[in-house]
C-alpha cells in the first residue's frame, strides 16, 4: 500500500511538471535550487568552461545529460545557450528529461520541460521520464 501511494505521489509530481511553467526570474532564495549540489555542479561548470566556446554542439549536449542528472540548472541553461540539444540521447536513448526524472530532480524537470524537453519520449527500453521516476521511487 505504501509503495502504491509513493508511486502515485511521484506520478502526480511529474504531472505537475507538465502544467507548471518555469520562470526565468530567479529569486535570491531560489539560487540554491538552481545550482543543485554545489560540488557536483562545480564539476559540470569546470568541464563547460574547459570546453570553451569552440566545442562541438554534441559535446555541449552530452554535458547537458550530466547537468540534468545532477540538478545543475544554471549550467544546463548555459549549455542550452551555447547550443546544446535539449533532446540529445545517450547510448541507451535517455534524454536529459529521463535522466533528471530518474535522479529525482523535479526543478530540473520543470526547467527542461519549459525549454521544450519531452516528458513522454521513451528510451531504448521503452521507459519514459514518468516511468523512471516511479521505478526509482523518487519523491520530489
C-alpha atoms as a PDB file:
ATOM      1  CA  UNK A   1       0.000   0.000   0.000  1.00  0.00           C
ATOM      2  CA  UNK A   2       2.812   2.409   0.881  1.00  0.00           C
ATOM      3  CA  UNK A   3       4.608   1.616  -2.374  1.00  0.00           C
ATOM      4  CA  UNK A   4       1.467   2.372  -4.389  1.00  0.00           C
ATOM      5  CA  UNK A   5       0.965   5.643  -2.514  1.00  0.00           C
ATOM      6  CA  UNK A   6       4.577   6.651  -3.166  1.00  0.00           C
ATOM      7  CA  UNK A   7       4.210   5.852  -6.859  1.00  0.00           C
ATOM      8  CA  UNK A   8       1.070   7.973  -7.065  1.00  0.00           C
ATOM      9  CA  UNK A   9       2.858  10.882  -5.406  1.00  0.00           C
ATOM     10  CA  UNK A  10       5.670  10.595  -7.931  1.00  0.00           C
ATOM     11  CA  UNK A  11       3.227  10.395 -10.824  1.00  0.00           C
ATOM     12  CA  UNK A  12       1.424  13.482  -9.540  1.00  0.00           C
ATOM     13  CA  UNK A  13       4.739  15.334  -9.224  1.00  0.00           C
ATOM     14  CA  UNK A  14       5.580  14.532 -12.840  1.00  0.00           C
ATOM     15  CA  UNK A  15       2.137  15.684 -13.958  1.00  0.00           C
ATOM     16  CA  UNK A  16       2.676  18.966 -12.129  1.00  0.00           C
ATOM     17  CA  UNK A  17       5.725  19.444 -14.320  1.00  0.00           C
ATOM     18  CA  UNK A  18       3.506  19.321 -17.397  1.00  0.00           C
ATOM     19  CA  UNK A  19       1.207  22.039 -16.083  1.00  0.00           C
ATOM     20  CA  UNK A  20       3.855  24.179 -14.432  1.00  0.00           C
ATOM     21  CA  UNK A  21       5.936  26.815 -16.112  1.00  0.00           C
ATOM     22  CA  UNK A  22       9.498  27.578 -15.164  1.00  0.00           C
ATOM     23  CA  UNK A  23      10.196  31.231 -14.510  1.00  0.00           C
ATOM     24  CA  UNK A  24      13.384  32.783 -15.819  1.00  0.00           C
ATOM     25  CA  UNK A  25      13.342  35.179 -12.900  1.00  0.00           C
ATOM     26  CA  UNK A  26      15.353  33.750 -10.043  1.00  0.00           C
ATOM     27  CA  UNK A  27      14.768  34.993  -6.516  1.00  0.00           C
ATOM     28  CA  UNK A  28      17.722  35.073  -4.113  1.00  0.00           C
ATOM     29  CA  UNK A  29      16.280  32.198  -2.068  1.00  0.00           C
ATOM     30  CA  UNK A  30      15.899  30.007  -5.141  1.00  0.00           C
ATOM     31  CA  UNK A  31      19.592  30.232  -6.059  1.00  0.00           C
ATOM     32  CA  UNK A  32      20.435  27.008  -4.200  1.00  0.00           C
ATOM     33  CA  UNK A  33      17.670  25.146  -6.035  1.00  0.00           C
ATOM     34  CA  UNK A  34      19.053  26.247  -9.389  1.00  0.00           C
ATOM     35  CA  UNK A  35      22.574  25.115  -8.654  1.00  0.00           C
ATOM     36  CA  UNK A  36      21.798  21.645  -7.253  1.00  0.00           C
ATOM     37  CA  UNK A  37      24.647  20.016  -5.345  1.00  0.00           C
ATOM     38  CA  UNK A  38      27.380  22.639  -5.334  1.00  0.00           C
ATOM     39  CA  UNK A  39      30.304  20.188  -5.584  1.00  0.00           C
ATOM     40  CA  UNK A  40      28.713  18.206  -8.405  1.00  0.00           C
ATOM     41  CA  UNK A  41      27.728  21.364 -10.250  1.00  0.00           C
ATOM     42  CA  UNK A  42      31.221  22.784  -9.879  1.00  0.00           C
ATOM     43  CA  UNK A  43      32.483  19.729 -11.770  1.00  0.00           C
ATOM     44  CA  UNK A  44      29.976  20.304 -14.562  1.00  0.00           C
ATOM     45  CA  UNK A  45      30.807  24.022 -14.658  1.00  0.00           C
ATOM     46  CA  UNK A  46      34.545  23.291 -14.834  1.00  0.00           C
ATOM     47  CA  UNK A  47      34.007  20.911 -17.755  1.00  0.00           C
ATOM     48  CA  UNK A  48      31.857  23.503 -19.520  1.00  0.00           C
ATOM     49  CA  UNK A  49      34.465  26.219 -19.040  1.00  0.00           C
ATOM     50  CA  UNK A  50      37.261  23.893 -20.194  1.00  0.00           C
ATOM     51  CA  UNK A  51      35.345  23.236 -23.432  1.00  0.00           C
ATOM     52  CA  UNK A  52      35.329  26.922 -24.217  1.00  0.00           C
ATOM     53  CA  UNK A  53      33.294  28.459 -26.990  1.00  0.00           C
ATOM     54  CA  UNK A  54      34.825  26.305 -29.707  1.00  0.00           C
ATOM     55  CA  UNK A  55      33.354  22.980 -28.630  1.00  0.00           C
ATOM     56  CA  UNK A  56      31.040  20.950 -30.817  1.00  0.00           C
ATOM     57  CA  UNK A  57      27.304  21.080 -30.155  1.00  0.00           C
ATOM     58  CA  UNK A  58      27.435  17.348 -29.440  1.00  0.00           C
ATOM     59  CA  UNK A  59      29.947  17.973 -26.612  1.00  0.00           C
ATOM     60  CA  UNK A  60      27.700  20.600 -25.031  1.00  0.00           C
ATOM     61  CA  UNK A  61      24.748  18.254 -25.425  1.00  0.00           C
ATOM     62  CA  UNK A  62      26.479  15.335 -23.723  1.00  0.00           C
ATOM     63  CA  UNK A  63      27.404  17.593 -20.806  1.00  0.00           C
ATOM     64  CA  UNK A  64      23.737  18.635 -20.633  1.00  0.00           C
ATOM     65  CA  UNK A  65      22.901  14.991 -19.880  1.00  0.00           C
ATOM     66  CA  UNK A  66      25.254  15.110 -16.893  1.00  0.00           C
ATOM     67  CA  UNK A  67      23.999  18.504 -15.694  1.00  0.00           C
ATOM     68  CA  UNK A  68      20.376  17.358 -15.827  1.00  0.00           C
ATOM     69  CA  UNK A  69      21.094  14.281 -13.730  1.00  0.00           C
ATOM     70  CA  UNK A  70      22.912  16.364 -11.103  1.00  0.00           C
ATOM     71  CA  UNK A  71      20.315  19.132 -10.955  1.00  0.00           C
ATOM     72  CA  UNK A  72      22.621  21.903 -12.199  1.00  0.00           C
ATOM     73  CA  UNK A  73      20.045  24.244 -13.721  1.00  0.00           C
ATOM     74  CA  UNK A  74      22.389  27.202 -14.168  1.00  0.00           C
ATOM     75  CA  UNK A  75      24.854  25.010 -16.056  1.00  0.00           C
ATOM     76  CA  UNK A  76      22.078  23.426 -18.116  1.00  0.00           C
ATOM     77  CA  UNK A  77      20.854  26.889 -19.042  1.00  0.00           C
ATOM     78  CA  UNK A  78      24.360  27.967 -20.091  1.00  0.00           C
ATOM     79  CA  UNK A  79      24.807  24.787 -22.146  1.00  0.00           C
ATOM     80  CA  UNK A  80      21.494  25.309 -23.933  1.00  0.00           C
ATOM     81  CA  UNK A  81      22.509  28.910 -24.651  1.00  0.00           C
ATOM     82  CA  UNK A  82      25.735  27.541 -26.173  1.00  0.00           C
ATOM     83  CA  UNK A  83      23.744  25.265 -28.472  1.00  0.00           C
ATOM     84  CA  UNK A  84      23.213  22.011 -26.544  1.00  0.00           C
ATOM     85  CA  UNK A  85      20.342  19.949 -27.954  1.00  0.00           C
ATOM     86  CA  UNK A  86      17.512  19.522 -25.445  1.00  0.00           C
ATOM     87  CA  UNK A  87      16.520  16.154 -26.968  1.00  0.00           C
ATOM     88  CA  UNK A  88      20.040  14.683 -27.013  1.00  0.00           C
ATOM     89  CA  UNK A  89      20.187  10.960 -26.230  1.00  0.00           C
ATOM     90  CA  UNK A  90      22.856   8.864 -24.571  1.00  0.00           C
ATOM     91  CA  UNK A  91      23.722   5.344 -25.774  1.00  0.00           C
ATOM     92  CA  UNK A  92      20.519   3.982 -24.159  1.00  0.00           C
ATOM     93  CA  UNK A  93      18.444   6.812 -25.710  1.00  0.00           C
ATOM     94  CA  UNK A  94      17.938   8.505 -22.340  1.00  0.00           C
ATOM     95  CA  UNK A  95      17.229  12.210 -22.744  1.00  0.00           C
ATOM     96  CA  UNK A  96      18.119  14.888 -20.183  1.00  0.00           C
ATOM     97  CA  UNK A  97      14.482  14.750 -19.035  1.00  0.00           C
ATOM     98  CA  UNK A  98      14.661  10.998 -18.380  1.00  0.00           C
ATOM     99  CA  UNK A  99      17.940  11.370 -16.503  1.00  0.00           C
ATOM    100  CA  UNK A 100      16.545  14.188 -14.351  1.00  0.00           C
ATOM    101  CA  UNK A 101      13.427  12.141 -13.536  1.00  0.00           C
ATOM    102  CA  UNK A 102      15.484   9.078 -12.647  1.00  0.00           C
ATOM    103  CA  UNK A 103      17.594  11.211 -10.290  1.00  0.00           C
ATOM    104  CA  UNK A 104      14.554  12.887  -8.704  1.00  0.00           C
ATOM    105  CA  UNK A 105      15.453  16.381  -9.956  1.00  0.00           C
ATOM    106  CA  UNK A 106      11.987  17.996 -10.058  1.00  0.00           C
ATOM    107  CA  UNK A 107      13.222  21.579 -10.571  1.00  0.00           C
ATOM    108  CA  UNK A 108      15.376  20.368 -13.448  1.00  0.00           C
ATOM    109  CA  UNK A 109      12.378  18.555 -14.951  1.00  0.00           C
ATOM    110  CA  UNK A 110      10.372  21.765 -14.813  1.00  0.00           C
ATOM    111  CA  UNK A 111      13.195  23.710 -16.426  1.00  0.00           C
ATOM    112  CA  UNK A 112      13.816  21.153 -19.195  1.00  0.00           C
ATOM    113  CA  UNK A 113      10.110  20.875 -19.956  1.00  0.00           C
ATOM    114  CA  UNK A 114       9.859  24.674 -20.220  1.00  0.00           C
ATOM    115  CA  UNK A 115      12.780  24.543 -22.677  1.00  0.00           C
ATOM    116  CA  UNK A 116      10.963  22.021 -24.877  1.00  0.00           C
ATOM    117  CA  UNK A 117      12.049  18.718 -23.345  1.00  0.00           C
ATOM    118  CA  UNK A 118       9.602  15.882 -23.932  1.00  0.00           C
ATOM    119  CA  UNK A 119       8.235  14.038 -20.898  1.00  0.00           C
ATOM    120  CA  UNK A 120       6.934  11.116 -22.939  1.00  0.00           C
ATOM    121  CA  UNK A 121       9.951  10.357 -25.164  1.00  0.00           C
ATOM    122  CA  UNK A 122      10.870   6.689 -24.492  1.00  0.00           C
ATOM    123  CA  UNK A 123      14.399   5.323 -24.262  1.00  0.00           C
ATOM    124  CA  UNK A 124      15.513   2.053 -25.905  1.00  0.00           C
ATOM    125  CA  UNK A 125      13.735   0.002 -23.237  1.00  0.00           C
ATOM    126  CA  UNK A 126      10.524   1.979 -23.613  1.00  0.00           C
ATOM    127  CA  UNK A 127      10.928   3.876 -20.350  1.00  0.00           C
ATOM    128  CA  UNK A 128       9.776   7.498 -20.138  1.00  0.00           C
ATOM    129  CA  UNK A 129      10.552  10.192 -17.565  1.00  0.00           C
ATOM    130  CA  UNK A 130       7.446   9.237 -15.575  1.00  0.00           C
ATOM    131  CA  UNK A 131       8.213   5.517 -15.572  1.00  0.00           C
ATOM    132  CA  UNK A 132      11.817   6.181 -14.483  1.00  0.00           C
ATOM    133  CA  UNK A 133      10.643   8.337 -11.580  1.00  0.00           C
ATOM    134  CA  UNK A 134       8.170   5.664 -10.474  1.00  0.00           C
ATOM    135  CA  UNK A 135      10.675   2.838 -10.915  1.00  0.00           C
ATOM    136  CA  UNK A 136      13.255   4.602  -8.780  1.00  0.00           C
ATOM    137  CA  UNK A 137      10.622   5.623  -6.227  1.00  0.00           C
ATOM    138  CA  UNK A 138      11.510   9.320  -6.423  1.00  0.00           C
ATOM    139  CA  UNK A 139       9.605  11.731  -4.206  1.00  0.00           C
ATOM    140  CA  UNK A 140      10.084  15.381  -5.072  1.00  0.00           C
END
